[in-house]
Amino acid sequence: MYGGARTATTRTLPCTWCNKPVPQPRRWRRRLYCSEAHRRKNRVVEAVGNFLDSL
């Protein structure tokens, strides 16, 4: 069994918005959201916050 698939369970982190478990890739990148809609929602909320801070 050299170089085969790993048998360990996949690492997960909770989604920032809904706390649903999000499987993490094996490499460097961290996924914080369970869907594209939640990533979009985060960008919108961040943009509104930045706009209100600039007023």
C-alpha atoms as a PDB file:
ATOM      1  CA  MET A   1       0.000   0.000   0.000  1.00  0.00           C
ATOM      2  CA  TYR A   2       2.491   2.590  -1.140  1.00  0.00           C
ATOM      3  CA  GLY A   3       1.224   5.930  -2.458  1.00  0.00           C
ATOM      4  CA  GLY A   4      -2.427   4.901  -2.220  1.00  0.00           C
ATOM      5  CA  ALA A   5      -5.383   6.871  -0.931  1.00  0.00           C
ATOM      6  CA  ARG A   6      -5.357   7.837   2.697  1.00  0.00           C
ATOM      7  CA  THR A   7      -7.761   5.895   4.877  1.00  0.00           C
ATOM      8  CA  ALA A   8      -7.989   8.548   7.607  1.00  0.00           C
ATOM      9  CA  THR A   9     -11.121  10.633   7.892  1.00  0.00           C
ATOM     10  CA  THR A  10     -11.200  13.984   6.108  1.00  0.00           C
ATOM     11  CA  ARG A  11     -10.453  17.059   8.188  1.00  0.00           C
ATOM     12  CA  THR A  12     -13.402  19.422   8.543  1.00  0.00           C
ATOM     13  CA  LEU A  13     -13.954  22.938   9.859  1.00  0.00           C
ATOM     14  CA  PRO A  14     -17.341  24.547  10.567  1.00  0.00           C
ATOM     15  CA  CYS A  15     -18.771  26.960   7.987  1.00  0.00           C
ATOM     16  CA  THR A  16     -18.475  30.569   9.153  1.00  0.00           C
ATOM     17  CA  TRP A  17     -22.170  31.233   8.475  1.00  0.00           C
ATOM     18  CA  CYS A  18     -24.083  28.017   9.230  1.00  0.00           C
ATOM     19  CA  ASN A  19     -21.602  25.809  11.189  1.00  0.00           C
ATOM     20  CA  LYS A  20     -22.064  22.971   8.686  1.00  0.00           C
ATOM     21  CA  PRO A  21     -18.863  20.856   8.474  1.00  0.00           C
ATOM     22  CA  VAL A  22     -16.711  21.846   5.487  1.00  0.00           C
ATOM     23  CA  PRO A  23     -14.223  19.226   4.239  1.00  0.00           C
ATOM     24  CA  GLN A  24     -10.725  20.680   3.994  1.00  0.00           C
ATOM     25  CA  PRO A  25      -8.352  20.003   1.094  1.00  0.00           C
ATOM     26  CA  ARG A  26      -5.076  18.222   1.895  1.00  0.00           C
ATOM     27  CA  ARG A  27      -2.963  21.148   0.715  1.00  0.00           C
ATOM     28  CA  TRP A  28      -2.415  24.665   2.043  1.00  0.00           C
ATOM     29  CA  ARG A  29      -5.823  26.219   1.278  1.00  0.00           C
ATOM     30  CA  ARG A  30      -8.439  26.539   4.042  1.00  0.00           C
ATOM     31  CA  ARG A  31     -12.106  26.514   3.124  1.00  0.00           C
ATOM     32  CA  LEU A  32     -14.255  28.597   5.446  1.00  0.00           C
ATOM     33  CA  TYR A  33     -17.642  28.340   3.710  1.00  0.00           C
ATOM     34  CA  CYS A  34     -19.780  25.361   2.710  1.00  0.00           C
ATOM     35  CA  SER A  35     -21.081  26.950  -0.519  1.00  0.00           C
ATOM     36  CA  GLU A  36     -20.495  29.685  -3.077  1.00  0.00           C
ATOM     37  CA  ALA A  37     -23.595  31.482  -1.742  1.00  0.00           C
ATOM     38  CA  HIS A  38     -22.008  31.799   1.697  1.00  0.00           C
ATOM     39  CA  ARG A  39     -18.742  33.081   0.175  1.00  0.00           C
ATOM     40  CA  ARG A  40     -20.767  35.683  -1.735  1.00  0.00           C
ATOM     41  CA  LYS A  41     -22.727  36.594   1.389  1.00  0.00           C
ATOM     42  CA  ASN A  42     -19.477  37.173   3.262  1.00  0.00           C
ATOM     43  CA  ARG A  43     -18.120  39.430   0.482  1.00  0.00           C
ATOM     44  CA  VAL A  44     -21.339  41.495   0.479  1.00  0.00           C
ATOM     45  CA  VAL A  45     -21.361  41.911   4.258  1.00  0.00           C
ATOM     46  CA  GLU A  46     -17.682  42.866   4.208  1.00  0.00           C
ATOM     47  CA  ALA A  47     -18.255  45.437   1.416  1.00  0.00           C
ATOM     48  CA  VAL A  48     -21.195  47.009   3.262  1.00  0.00           C
ATOM     49  CA  GLY A  49     -19.109  47.195   6.443  1.00  0.00           C
ATOM     50  CA  ASN A  50     -16.253  48.887   4.582  1.00  0.00           C
ATOM     51  CA  PHE A  51     -18.667  51.361   2.998  1.00  0.00           C
ATOM     52  CA  LEU A  52     -20.248  52.258   6.329  1.00  0.00           C
ATOM     53  CA  ASP A  53     -16.802  52.662   7.917  1.00  0.00           C
ATOM     54  CA  SER A  54     -15.839  55.148   5.202  1.00  0.00           C
ATOM     55  CA  LEU A  55     -18.811  57.441   5.931  1.00  0.00           C
END
